[in-house]
Every structure is written in C-alpha cells, then in structure tokens.
PDB file of N, CA and C in Angstrom:
ATOM      1  N   THR A   1     132.316 135.006 221.546  1.00  0.00           N
ATOM      2  CA  THR A   1     133.482 134.451 220.828  1.00  0.00           C
ATOM      3  C   THR A   1     134.719 134.284 221.514  1.00  0.00           C
ATOM      4  N   GLN A   2     134.802 134.967 222.681  1.00  0.00           N
ATOM      5  CA  GLN A   2     136.037 134.770 223.637  1.00  0.00           C
ATOM      6  C   GLN A   2     136.152 133.501 224.210  1.00  0.00           C
ATOM      7  N   CYS A   3     135.143 132.763 224.583  1.00  0.00           N
ATOM      8  CA  CYS A   3     135.045 131.741 225.500  1.00  0.00           C
ATOM      9  C   CYS A   3     134.404 130.458 224.772  1.00  0.00           C
ATOM     10  N   THR A   4     134.250 130.431 223.455  1.00  0.00           N
ATOM     11  CA  THR A   4     133.524 129.351 222.925  1.00  0.00           C
ATOM     12  C   THR A   4     134.610 128.274 222.549  1.00  0.00           C
ATOM     13  N   VAL A   5     134.241 127.037 222.557  1.00  0.00           N
ATOM     14  CA  VAL A   5     135.118 125.898 222.168  1.00  0.00           C
ATOM     15  C   VAL A   5     134.450 125.178 221.026  1.00  0.00           C
ATOM     16  N   PRO A   6     135.306 125.021 219.931  1.00  0.00           N
ATOM     17  CA  PRO A   6     134.765 124.076 218.837  1.00  0.00           C
ATOM     18  C   PRO A   6     134.674 122.814 219.231  1.00  0.00           C
ATOM     19  N   TYR A   7     133.719 122.057 218.659  1.00  0.00           N
ATOM     20  CA  TYR A   7     133.481 120.645 218.780  1.00  0.00           C
ATOM     21  C   TYR A   7     132.739 120.067 217.799  1.00  0.00           C
ATOM     22  N   GLN A   8     132.901 118.608 217.620  1.00  0.00           N
ATOM     23  CA  GLN A   8     132.125 118.018 216.519  1.00  0.00           C
ATOM     24  C   GLN A   8     131.293 116.940 217.233  1.00  0.00           C
ATOM     25  N   PRO A   9     129.970 117.312 217.363  1.00  0.00           N
ATOM     26  CA  PRO A   9     129.149 116.177 218.209  1.00  0.00           C
ATOM     27  C   PRO A   9     128.769 115.080 217.134  1.00  0.00           C
ATOM     28  N   ALA A  10     128.514 113.895 217.689  1.00  0.00           N
ATOM     29  CA  ALA A  10     128.101 112.750 216.949  1.00  0.00           C
ATOM     30  C   ALA A  10     126.548 112.908 216.833  1.00  0.00           C
ATOM     31  N   ALA A  11     125.926 112.286 215.761  1.00  0.00           N
ATOM     32  CA  ALA A  11     124.556 112.430 215.488  1.00  0.00           C
ATOM     33  C   ALA A  11     123.744 111.971 216.752  1.00  0.00           C
ATOM     34  N   GLU A  12     124.180 110.985 217.430  1.00  0.00           N
ATOM     35  CA  GLU A  12     123.375 110.415 218.589  1.00  0.00           C
ATOM     36  C   GLU A  12     123.439 111.427 219.837  1.00  0.00           C
ATOM     37  N   ASP A  13     124.282 112.377 219.664  1.00  0.00           N
ATOM     38  CA  ASP A  13     124.396 113.324 220.834  1.00  0.00           C
ATOM     39  C   ASP A  13     123.521 114.621 220.697  1.00  0.00           C
ATOM     40  N   LEU A  14     122.905 114.769 219.468  1.00  0.00           N
ATOM     41  CA  LEU A  14     122.065 115.822 219.201  1.00  0.00           C
ATOM     42  C   LEU A  14     120.591 115.395 219.174  1.00  0.00           C
ATOM     43  N   PRO A  15     119.592 116.424 219.359  1.00  0.00           N
ATOM     44  CA  PRO A  15     118.203 116.033 219.431  1.00  0.00           C
ATOM     45  C   PRO A  15     117.869 115.581 217.973  1.00  0.00           C
ATOM     46  N   ALA A  16     116.710 114.751 217.899  1.00  0.00           N
ATOM     47  CA  ALA A  16     116.305 114.125 216.675  1.00  0.00           C
ATOM     48  C   ALA A  16     116.005 115.087 215.537  1.00  0.00           C
ATOM     49  N   ASP A  17     115.520 116.247 215.998  1.00  0.00           N
ATOM     50  CA  ASP A  17     115.045 117.414 214.907  1.00  0.00           C
ATOM     51  C   ASP A  17     116.291 118.165 214.417  1.00  0.00           C
ATOM     52  N   PHE A  18     117.502 117.999 214.975  1.00  0.00           N
ATOM     53  CA  PHE A  18     118.660 118.797 214.580  1.00  0.00           C
ATOM     54  C   PHE A  18     119.008 118.326 213.111  1.00  0.00           C
ATOM     55  N   PRO A  19     119.322 119.359 212.243  1.00  0.00           N
ATOM     56  CA  PRO A  19     119.587 119.098 210.713  1.00  0.00           C
ATOM     57  C   PRO A  19     121.184 118.635 210.638  1.00  0.00           C
ATOM     58  N   TYR A  20     121.275 117.433 211.098  1.00  0.00           N
ATOM     59  CA  TYR A  20     122.721 116.791 211.174  1.00  0.00           C
ATOM     60  C   TYR A  20     123.355 116.832 209.822  1.00  0.00           C
ATOM     61  N   GLU A  21     122.577 116.416 208.815  1.00  0.00           N
ATOM     62  CA  GLU A  21     123.190 116.239 207.485  1.00  0.00           C
ATOM     63  C   GLU A  21     123.643 117.624 207.002  1.00  0.00           C
ATOM     64  N   GLN A  22     122.829 118.676 207.236  1.00  0.00           N
ATOM     65  CA  GLN A  22     123.209 119.953 206.825  1.00  0.00           C
ATOM     66  C   GLN A  22     124.526 120.381 207.626  1.00  0.00           C
ATOM     67  N   TYR A  23     124.584 120.114 208.929  1.00  0.00           N
ATOM     68  CA  TYR A  23     125.823 120.390 209.675  1.00  0.00           C
ATOM     69  C   TYR A  23     126.987 119.766 209.113  1.00  0.00           C
ATOM     70  N   ILE A  24     126.907 118.459 208.675  1.00  0.00           N
ATOM     71  CA  ILE A  24     128.125 117.715 208.110  1.00  0.00           C
ATOM     72  C   ILE A  24     128.488 118.240 206.774  1.00  0.00           C
ATOM     73  N   SER A  25     127.424 118.607 205.916  1.00  0.00           N
ATOM     74  CA  SER A  25     127.833 119.082 204.602  1.00  0.00           C
ATOM     75  C   SER A  25     128.474 120.617 204.751  1.00  0.00           C
ATOM     76  N   SER A  26     128.203 121.331 205.886  1.00  0.00           N
ATOM     77  CA  SER A  26     128.784 122.647 205.847  1.00  0.00           C
ATOM     78  C   SER A  26     130.122 122.658 206.260  1.00  0.00           C
ATOM     79  N   GLY A  27     130.698 121.794 206.878  1.00  0.00           N
ATOM     80  CA  GLY A  27     132.189 121.656 207.183  1.00  0.00           C
ATOM     81  C   GLY A  27     132.521 122.642 208.412  1.00  0.00           C
ATOM     82  N   GLN A  28     131.503 123.305 208.877  1.00  0.00           N
ATOM     83  CA  GLN A  28     131.721 124.209 210.008  1.00  0.00           C
ATOM     84  C   GLN A  28     131.743 123.550 211.330  1.00  0.00           C
ATOM     85  N   PRO A  29     132.405 124.000 212.320  1.00  0.00           N
ATOM     86  CA  PRO A  29     132.402 123.517 213.675  1.00  0.00           C
ATOM     87  C   PRO A  29     131.273 123.981 214.404  1.00  0.00           C
ATOM     88  N   MET A  30     130.859 123.342 215.420  1.00  0.00           N
ATOM     89  CA  MET A  30     129.804 123.938 216.309  1.00  0.00           C
ATOM     90  C   MET A  30     130.605 124.230 217.573  1.00  0.00           C
ATOM     91  N   PHE A  31     129.963 125.123 218.409  1.00  0.00           N
ATOM     92  CA  PHE A  31     130.764 125.697 219.546  1.00  0.00           C
ATOM     93  C   PHE A  31     129.928 125.326 220.770  1.00  0.00           C
ATOM     94  N   ARG A  32     130.602 125.215 221.845  1.00  0.00           N
ATOM     95  CA  ARG A  32     130.105 125.111 223.246  1.00  0.00           C
ATOM     96  C   ARG A  32     130.463 126.434 224.028  1.00  0.00           C
ATOM     97  N   ALA A  33     129.543 126.844 224.829  1.00  0.00           N
ATOM     98  CA  ALA A  33     129.882 128.016 225.667  1.00  0.00           C
ATOM     99  C   ALA A  33     130.611 127.434 226.917  1.00  0.00           C
ATOM    100  N   VAL A  34     131.612 128.160 227.302  1.00  0.00           N
ATOM    101  CA  VAL A  34     132.374 127.819 228.347  1.00  0.00           C
ATOM    102  C   VAL A  34     132.316 128.823 229.594  1.00  0.00           C
ATOM    103  N   GLY A  35     132.354 129.936 229.330  1.00  0.00           N
ATOM    104  CA  GLY A  35     132.500 131.034 230.308  1.00  0.00           C
ATOM    105  C   GLY A  35     133.695 131.675 230.561  1.00  0.00           C
ATOM    106  N   CYS A  36     133.839 132.953 230.647  1.00  0.00           N
ATOM    107  CA  CYS A  36     135.077 133.651 230.756  1.00  0.00           C
ATOM    108  C   CYS A  36     134.601 135.096 231.557  1.00  0.00           C
ATOM    109  N   ARG A  37     135.686 135.751 231.824  1.00  0.00           N
ATOM    110  CA  ARG A  37     135.504 137.069 232.471  1.00  0.00           C
ATOM    111  C   ARG A  37     134.579 137.969 231.529  1.00  0.00           C
ATOM    112  N   ALA A  38     134.780 137.952 230.316  1.00  0.00           N
ATOM    113  CA  ALA A  38     134.022 138.947 229.465  1.00  0.00           C
ATOM    114  C   ALA A  38     132.551 138.652 229.390  1.00  0.00           C
ATOM    115  N   CYS A  39     132.108 137.415 229.753  1.00  0.00           N
ATOM    116  CA  CYS A  39     130.711 137.062 229.717  1.00  0.00           C
ATOM    117  C   CYS A  39     130.303 136.716 231.177  1.00  0.00           C
ATOM    118  N   ARG A  40     131.030 137.045 232.158  1.00  0.00           N
ATOM    119  CA  ARG A  40     130.737 136.804 233.489  1.00  0.00           C
ATOM    120  C   ARG A  40     130.452 135.428 233.874  1.00  0.00           C
ATOM    121  N   GLN A  41     131.121 134.473 233.236  1.00  0.00           N
ATOM    122  CA  GLN A  41     131.199 133.109 233.430  1.00  0.00           C
ATOM    123  C   GLN A  41     129.847 132.371 233.056  1.00  0.00           C
ATOM    124  N   VAL A  42     129.025 133.124 232.204  1.00  0.00           N
ATOM    125  CA  VAL A  42     127.766 132.449 231.822  1.00  0.00           C
ATOM    126  C   VAL A  42     127.925 131.760 230.284  1.00  0.00           C
ATOM    127  N   GLY A  43     128.868 132.151 229.569  1.00  0.00           N
ATOM    128  CA  GLY A  43     129.112 131.604 228.290  1.00  0.00           C
ATOM    129  C   GLY A  43     128.371 132.195 227.224  1.00  0.00           C
ATOM    130  N   TYR A  44     127.675 133.244 227.357  1.00  0.00           N
ATOM    131  CA  TYR A  44     126.880 134.003 226.423  1.00  0.00           C
ATOM    132  C   TYR A  44     127.057 135.447 226.644  1.00  0.00           C
ATOM    133  N   SER A  45     127.124 136.201 225.571  1.00  0.00           N
ATOM    134  CA  SER A  45     127.106 137.695 225.760  1.00  0.00           C
ATOM    135  C   SER A  45     126.319 138.186 224.671  1.00  0.00           C
ATOM    136  N   GLY A  46     125.394 139.175 225.056  1.00  0.00           N
ATOM    137  CA  GLY A  46     124.502 139.861 224.054  1.00  0.00           C
ATOM    138  C   GLY A  46     123.246 138.982 223.942  1.00  0.00           C
ATOM    139  N   ARG A  47     122.525 139.373 222.890  1.00  0.00           N
ATOM    140  CA  ARG A  47     121.195 138.674 222.675  1.00  0.00           C
ATOM    141  C   ARG A  47     121.194 138.427 221.140  1.00  0.00           C
ATOM    142  N   ALA A  48     120.424 137.376 220.725  1.00  0.00           N
ATOM    143  CA  ALA A  48     120.108 137.097 219.411  1.00  0.00           C
ATOM    144  C   ALA A  48     118.666 136.587 219.362  1.00  0.00           C
ATOM    145  N   GLY A  49     117.950 137.092 218.407  1.00  0.00           N
ATOM    146  CA  GLY A  49     116.531 136.607 218.415  1.00  0.00           C
ATOM    147  C   GLY A  49     116.281 135.540 217.388  1.00  0.00           C
ATOM    148  N   ILE A  50     115.360 134.599 217.782  1.00  0.00           N
ATOM    149  CA  ILE A  50     114.915 133.523 216.907  1.00  0.00           C
ATOM    150  C   ILE A  50     113.565 133.876 216.595  1.00  0.00           C
ATOM    151  N   TYR A  51     113.167 133.688 215.217  1.00  0.00           N
ATOM    152  CA  TYR A  51     111.890 134.151 214.864  1.00  0.00           C
ATOM    153  C   TYR A  51     111.076 132.994 214.127  1.00  0.00           C
ATOM    154  N   GLU A  52     109.734 133.304 214.255  1.00  0.00           N
ATOM    155  CA  GLU A  52     108.817 132.385 213.572  1.00  0.00           C
ATOM    156  C   GLU A  52     107.731 133.397 213.006  1.00  0.00           C
ATOM    157  N   LEU A  53     107.386 133.211 211.681  1.00  0.00           N
ATOM    158  CA  LEU A  53     106.493 134.165 211.092  1.00  0.00           C
ATOM    159  C   LEU A  53     105.322 133.171 210.365  1.00  0.00           C
ATOM    160  N   LEU A  54     104.156 133.493 210.697  1.00  0.00           N
ATOM    161  CA  LEU A  54     103.129 132.739 209.961  1.00  0.00           C
ATOM    162  C   LEU A  54     102.448 133.687 208.927  1.00  0.00           C
ATOM    163  N   VAL A  55     102.647 133.564 207.658  1.00  0.00           N
ATOM    164  CA  VAL A  55     102.033 134.338 206.744  1.00  0.00           C
ATOM    165  C   VAL A  55     100.560 133.862 206.394  1.00  0.00           C
ATOM    166  N   THR A  56      99.605 134.567 206.413  1.00  0.00           N
ATOM    167  CA  THR A  56      98.310 134.238 206.249  1.00  0.00           C
ATOM    168  C   THR A  56      97.870 134.062 204.888  1.00  0.00           C
ATOM    169  N   SER A  57      98.153 132.928 204.331  1.00  0.00           N
ATOM    170  CA  SER A  57      97.738 132.721 202.852  1.00  0.00           C
ATOM    171  C   SER A  57      96.265 132.397 202.726  1.00  0.00           C
ATOM    172  N   ASN A  58      95.674 132.275 201.626  1.00  0.00           N
ATOM    173  CA  ASN A  58      94.217 131.843 201.632  1.00  0.00           C
ATOM    174  C   ASN A  58      94.015 130.617 202.224  1.00  0.00           C
ATOM    175  N   ASN A  59      94.911 129.653 202.089  1.00  0.00           N
ATOM    176  CA  ASN A  59      94.646 128.324 202.749  1.00  0.00           C
ATOM    177  C   ASN A  59      94.765 128.425 204.241  1.00  0.00           C
ATOM    178  N   ILE A  60      95.579 129.234 204.851  1.00  0.00           N
ATOM    179  CA  ILE A  60      95.692 129.338 206.218  1.00  0.00           C
ATOM    180  C   ILE A  60      94.416 130.143 206.640  1.00  0.00           C
ATOM    181  N   ARG A  61      93.896 131.063 205.956  1.00  0.00           N
ATOM    182  CA  ARG A  61      92.687 131.730 206.340  1.00  0.00           C
ATOM    183  C   ARG A  61      91.546 130.825 206.356  1.00  0.00           C
ATOM    184  N   HIS A  62      91.568 129.969 205.248  1.00  0.00           N
ATOM    185  CA  HIS A  62      90.394 129.020 205.230  1.00  0.00           C
ATOM    186  C   HIS A  62      90.445 128.020 206.446  1.00  0.00           C
ATOM    187  N   LEU A  63      91.594 127.546 206.769  1.00  0.00           N
ATOM    188  CA  LEU A  63      91.862 126.731 208.075  1.00  0.00           C
ATOM    189  C   LEU A  63      91.362 127.395 209.265  1.00  0.00           C
ATOM    190  N   ALA A  64      91.668 128.707 209.388  1.00  0.00           N
ATOM    191  CA  ALA A  64      91.271 129.366 210.501  1.00  0.00           C
ATOM    192  C   ALA A  64      89.728 129.631 210.599  1.00  0.00           C
ATOM    193  N   GLN A  65      89.070 129.745 209.512  1.00  0.00           N
ATOM    194  CA  GLN A  65      87.725 129.988 209.370  1.00  0.00           C
ATOM    195  C   GLN A  65      86.965 128.601 209.797  1.00  0.00           C
ATOM    196  N   GLU A  66      87.719 127.478 209.391  1.00  0.00           N
ATOM    197  CA  GLU A  66      87.060 126.201 209.562  1.00  0.00           C
ATOM    198  C   GLU A  66      87.342 125.665 211.120  1.00  0.00           C
ATOM    199  N   ARG A  67      88.076 126.499 211.745  1.00  0.00           N
ATOM    200  CA  ARG A  67      88.437 126.271 213.202  1.00  0.00           C
ATOM    201  C   ARG A  67      89.235 124.907 213.318  1.00  0.00           C
ATOM    202  N   VAL A  68      90.070 124.626 212.349  1.00  0.00           N
ATOM    203  CA  VAL A  68      90.900 123.366 212.496  1.00  0.00           C
ATOM    204  C   VAL A  68      91.806 123.451 213.878  1.00  0.00           C
ATOM    205  N   GLY A  69      92.411 122.509 214.075  1.00  0.00           N
ATOM    206  CA  GLY A  69      93.181 122.408 215.296  1.00  0.00           C
ATOM    207  C   GLY A  69      94.598 122.993 215.014  1.00  0.00           C
ATOM    208  N   THR A  70      95.223 123.259 216.154  1.00  0.00           N
ATOM    209  CA  THR A  70      96.527 124.061 215.854  1.00  0.00           C
ATOM    210  C   THR A  70      97.704 123.248 215.182  1.00  0.00           C
ATOM    211  N   TRP A  71      97.645 121.868 215.429  1.00  0.00           N
ATOM    212  CA  TRP A  71      98.442 120.964 214.677  1.00  0.00           C
ATOM    213  C   TRP A  71      98.272 120.910 213.089  1.00  0.00           C
ATOM    214  N   ALA A  72      97.056 121.066 212.792  1.00  0.00           N
ATOM    215  CA  ALA A  72      96.828 121.019 211.369  1.00  0.00           C
ATOM    216  C   ALA A  72      97.172 122.332 210.752  1.00  0.00           C
ATOM    217  N   MET A  73      96.914 123.477 211.479  1.00  0.00           N
ATOM    218  CA  MET A  73      97.320 124.832 211.040  1.00  0.00           C
ATOM    219  C   MET A  73      98.904 124.850 210.864  1.00  0.00           C
ATOM    220  N   LYS A  74      99.636 124.222 211.901  1.00  0.00           N
ATOM    221  CA  LYS A  74     100.990 124.366 211.899  1.00  0.00           C
ATOM    222  C   LYS A  74     101.584 123.548 210.629  1.00  0.00           C
ATOM    223  N   GLN A  75     100.946 122.307 210.405  1.00  0.00           N
ATOM    224  CA  GLN A  75     101.462 121.569 209.378  1.00  0.00           C
ATOM    225  C   GLN A  75     101.155 122.277 208.118  1.00  0.00           C
ATOM    226  N   ALA A  76     100.113 122.874 207.947  1.00  0.00           N
ATOM    227  CA  ALA A  76      99.823 123.570 206.753  1.00  0.00           C
ATOM    228  C   ALA A  76     100.750 124.689 206.444  1.00  0.00           C
ATOM    229  N   ALA A  77     101.064 125.312 207.496  1.00  0.00           N
ATOM    230  CA  ALA A  77     101.986 126.585 207.417  1.00  0.00           C
ATOM    231  C   ALA A  77     103.481 126.075 207.179  1.00  0.00           C
ATOM    232  N   GLN A  78     103.875 124.944 207.733  1.00  0.00           N
ATOM    233  CA  GLN A  78     105.120 124.439 207.368  1.00  0.00           C
ATOM    234  C   GLN A  78     105.295 124.006 205.853  1.00  0.00           C
ATOM    235  N   ASP A  79     104.152 123.373 205.495  1.00  0.00           N
ATOM    236  CA  ASP A  79     104.050 123.018 204.039  1.00  0.00           C
ATOM    237  C   ASP A  79     104.198 124.141 203.191  1.00  0.00           C
ATOM    238  N   GLU A  80     103.779 125.317 203.616  1.00  0.00           N
ATOM    239  CA  GLU A  80     103.958 126.543 202.765  1.00  0.00           C
ATOM    240  C   GLU A  80     105.230 127.144 202.986  1.00  0.00           C
ATOM    241  N   GLY A  81     106.054 126.743 203.888  1.00  0.00           N
ATOM    242  CA  GLY A  81     107.351 127.277 204.078  1.00  0.00           C
ATOM    243  C   GLY A  81     107.752 128.019 205.396  1.00  0.00           C
ATOM    244  N   MET A  82     106.824 127.915 206.289  1.00  0.00           N
ATOM    245  CA  MET A  82     107.008 128.626 207.514  1.00  0.00           C
ATOM    246  C   MET A  82     108.291 127.881 208.349  1.00  0.00           C
ATOM    247  N   VAL A  83     109.076 128.477 208.880  1.00  0.00           N
ATOM    248  CA  VAL A  83     110.080 128.136 209.669  1.00  0.00           C
ATOM    249  C   VAL A  83     109.822 128.310 211.164  1.00  0.00           C
ATOM    250  N   THR A  84     109.972 127.225 211.871  1.00  0.00           N
ATOM    251  CA  THR A  84     109.492 127.425 213.335  1.00  0.00           C
ATOM    252  C   THR A  84     110.651 128.033 214.155  1.00  0.00           C
ATOM    253  N   LEU A  85     110.357 128.324 215.415  1.00  0.00           N
ATOM    254  CA  LEU A  85     111.402 128.880 216.231  1.00  0.00           C
ATOM    255  C   LEU A  85     112.498 127.891 216.390  1.00  0.00           C
ATOM    256  N   ARG A  86     112.212 126.688 216.508  1.00  0.00           N
ATOM    257  CA  ARG A  86     113.336 125.709 216.713  1.00  0.00           C
ATOM    258  C   ARG A  86     114.179 125.663 215.534  1.00  0.00           C
ATOM    259  N   GLN A  87     113.539 125.625 214.402  1.00  0.00           N
ATOM    260  CA  GLN A  87     114.254 125.549 213.128  1.00  0.00           C
ATOM    261  C   GLN A  87     115.234 126.758 212.934  1.00  0.00           C
ATOM    262  N   ASP A  88     114.692 127.972 213.198  1.00  0.00           N
ATOM    263  CA  ASP A  88     115.352 129.143 213.271  1.00  0.00           C
ATOM    264  C   ASP A  88     116.641 129.054 214.158  1.00  0.00           C
ATOM    265  N   GLY A  89     116.334 128.539 215.295  1.00  0.00           N
ATOM    266  CA  GLY A  89     117.487 128.335 216.324  1.00  0.00           C
ATOM    267  C   GLY A  89     118.641 127.460 215.809  1.00  0.00           C
ATOM    268  N   TRP A  90     118.176 126.244 215.081  1.00  0.00           N
ATOM    269  CA  TRP A  90     119.252 125.338 214.417  1.00  0.00           C
ATOM    270  C   TRP A  90     119.886 126.082 213.411  1.00  0.00           C
ATOM    271  N   THR A  91     119.438 126.878 212.556  1.00  0.00           N
ATOM    272  CA  THR A  91     120.154 127.691 211.699  1.00  0.00           C
ATOM    273  C   THR A  91     121.240 128.594 212.259  1.00  0.00           C
ATOM    274  N   LYS A  92     120.892 129.038 213.451  1.00  0.00           N
ATOM    275  CA  LYS A  92     121.855 129.979 214.118  1.00  0.00           C
ATOM    276  C   LYS A  92     122.927 129.067 214.748  1.00  0.00           C
ATOM    277  N   VAL A  93     122.684 128.024 215.095  1.00  0.00           N
ATOM    278  CA  VAL A  93     123.739 127.039 215.664  1.00  0.00           C
ATOM    279  C   VAL A  93     124.677 126.639 214.502  1.00  0.00           C
ATOM    280  N   LEU A  94     124.080 126.478 213.209  1.00  0.00           N
ATOM    281  CA  LEU A  94     124.867 126.042 212.126  1.00  0.00           C
ATOM    282  C   LEU A  94     125.658 127.274 211.773  1.00  0.00           C
ATOM    283  N   HIS A  95     125.436 128.464 211.927  1.00  0.00           N
ATOM    284  CA  HIS A  95     126.073 129.563 211.596  1.00  0.00           C
ATOM    285  C   HIS A  95     127.006 130.106 212.749  1.00  0.00           C
ATOM    286  N   GLY A  96     127.116 129.207 213.779  1.00  0.00           N
ATOM    287  CA  GLY A  96     128.028 129.677 214.872  1.00  0.00           C
ATOM    288  C   GLY A  96     127.631 130.733 215.781  1.00  0.00           C
ATOM    289  N   ARG A  97     126.313 131.149 215.856  1.00  0.00           N
ATOM    290  CA  ARG A  97     125.749 132.299 216.542  1.00  0.00           C
ATOM    291  C   ARG A  97     125.380 131.893 217.876  1.00  0.00           C
ATOM    292  N   THR A  98     124.914 130.663 218.132  1.00  0.00           N
ATOM    293  CA  THR A  98     124.393 130.154 219.404  1.00  0.00           C
ATOM    294  C   THR A  98     124.894 128.576 219.557  1.00  0.00           C
ATOM    295  N   THR A  99     124.437 128.194 220.637  1.00  0.00           N
ATOM    296  CA  THR A  99     124.762 126.671 220.912  1.00  0.00           C
ATOM    297  C   THR A  99     123.510 125.795 220.996  1.00  0.00           C
ATOM    298  N   VAL A 100     123.729 124.571 220.788  1.00  0.00           N
ATOM    299  CA  VAL A 100     122.694 123.597 220.865  1.00  0.00           C
ATOM    300  C   VAL A 100     121.921 123.672 222.139  1.00  0.00           C
ATOM    301  N   ASP A 101     122.771 123.680 223.153  1.00  0.00           N
ATOM    302  CA  ASP A 101     122.082 123.868 224.600  1.00  0.00           C
ATOM    303  C   ASP A 101     121.182 125.057 224.728  1.00  0.00           C
ATOM    304  N   GLU A 102     121.689 126.267 224.174  1.00  0.00           N
ATOM    305  CA  GLU A 102     120.828 127.381 224.394  1.00  0.00           C
ATOM    306  C   GLU A 102     119.443 127.085 223.617  1.00  0.00           C
ATOM    307  N   VAL A 103     119.489 126.670 222.420  1.00  0.00           N
ATOM    308  CA  VAL A 103     118.333 126.430 221.594  1.00  0.00           C
ATOM    309  C   VAL A 103     117.304 125.523 222.262  1.00  0.00           C
ATOM    310  N   LEU A 104     117.889 124.350 222.902  1.00  0.00           N
ATOM    311  CA  LEU A 104     117.092 123.413 223.699  1.00  0.00           C
ATOM    312  C   LEU A 104     116.408 124.151 224.953  1.00  0.00           C
ATOM    313  N   ARG A 105     117.165 125.024 225.515  1.00  0.00           N
ATOM    314  CA  ARG A 105     116.591 125.660 226.666  1.00  0.00           C
ATOM    315  C   ARG A 105     115.430 126.601 226.319  1.00  0.00           C
ATOM    316  N   VAL A 106     115.564 127.321 225.201  1.00  0.00           N
ATOM    317  CA  VAL A 106     114.409 128.265 224.944  1.00  0.00           C
ATOM    318  C   VAL A 106     113.351 127.862 223.920  1.00  0.00           C
ATOM    319  N   THR A 107     113.443 126.612 223.380  1.00  0.00           N
ATOM    320  CA  THR A 107     112.425 126.131 222.535  1.00  0.00           C
ATOM    321  C   THR A 107     111.916 124.833 222.894  1.00  0.00           C
ATOM    322  N   LYS A 108     110.804 124.391 222.308  1.00  0.00           N
ATOM    323  CA  LYS A 108     110.336 122.997 222.519  1.00  0.00           C
ATOM    324  C   LYS A 108     110.446 122.373 221.244  1.00  0.00           C
ATOM    325  N   GLY A 109     110.551 121.031 221.197  1.00  0.00           N
ATOM    326  CA  GLY A 109     110.752 120.310 220.041  1.00  0.00           C
ATOM    327  C   GLY A 109     109.525 120.380 219.078  1.00  0.00           C
ATOM    328  N   ASP A 110     109.879 120.335 217.724  1.00  0.00           N
ATOM    329  CA  ASP A 110     108.881 120.362 216.691  1.00  0.00           C
ATOM    330  C   ASP A 110     108.601 118.988 216.468  1.00  0.00           C
ATOM    331  N   LEU A 111     107.296 118.584 216.551  1.00  0.00           N
ATOM    332  CA  LEU A 111     106.814 117.186 216.590  1.00  0.00           C
ATOM    333  C   LEU A 111     106.515 116.664 215.142  1.00  0.00           C
ATOM    334  N   ILE A 112     106.134 117.757 214.308  1.00  0.00           N
ATOM    335  CA  ILE A 112     105.916 117.447 212.965  1.00  0.00           C
ATOM    336  C   ILE A 112     106.894 117.958 211.902  1.00  0.00           C
ATOM    337  N   LYS A 113     107.035 117.246 210.948  1.00  0.00           N
ATOM    338  CA  LYS A 113     108.114 117.400 209.793  1.00  0.00           C
ATOM    339  C   LYS A 113     109.345 116.958 210.094  1.00  0.00           C
TER     340      LYS A 113
END
C-alpha cells in the first residue's frame, strides 16, 4: 500500500478475459506496483493466495467415469459455478489486493467462458 499508484486503464489495455464492465461499475481505482524501500523495490509485500476449487458433483463424477477431456470437465465445472485461478485473481485486482501484471504473471488465460 505504500508504493501503489492508482490508475484507470482503458479496456484495450487489459486482457480479453478481464471483467472490465465489473471494474467500471465498481468505481474503484486499480493499482500499479511501483516499488519503494518498504517492499525492497519490487512493488509487492506479503503474499495473497488465489484459489480454485472443483466440487465433485454427480455430473462431474459421471464425466470423470466417462473419461471425458479436461476441457469438457472444466466447462462443466464452470457451468456449475467453479471459479478459476485467473477469475479469482481478477477479483483480487478489483478489490485492490494485487495488480493486473501479477495475475498475468502467475496464471494462464481462461479460454472458455
């Protein structure tokens, strides 16, 4: 918090899967990490986890027994409400807990949904 700089990115400056409409409606600024003495010039201090949890519903169990591909399994899980690592990262960006650059660094893009 000591060396973050608020900014308002344009939609074209963000990844395609970033929830830009949610960002605009929140009215909250986003932040860039700059670096200072407190964070040893890296722009980040401490750790925050991003999480993904697949709950094994009857449908997911059936898909696993049928040995469907991982893309079909992921699509079914997302249809049932699973939040991916990338989506959880975007939520933390929207709440000011991390930056777009950091989420891009530690996750890969979601190709479905």
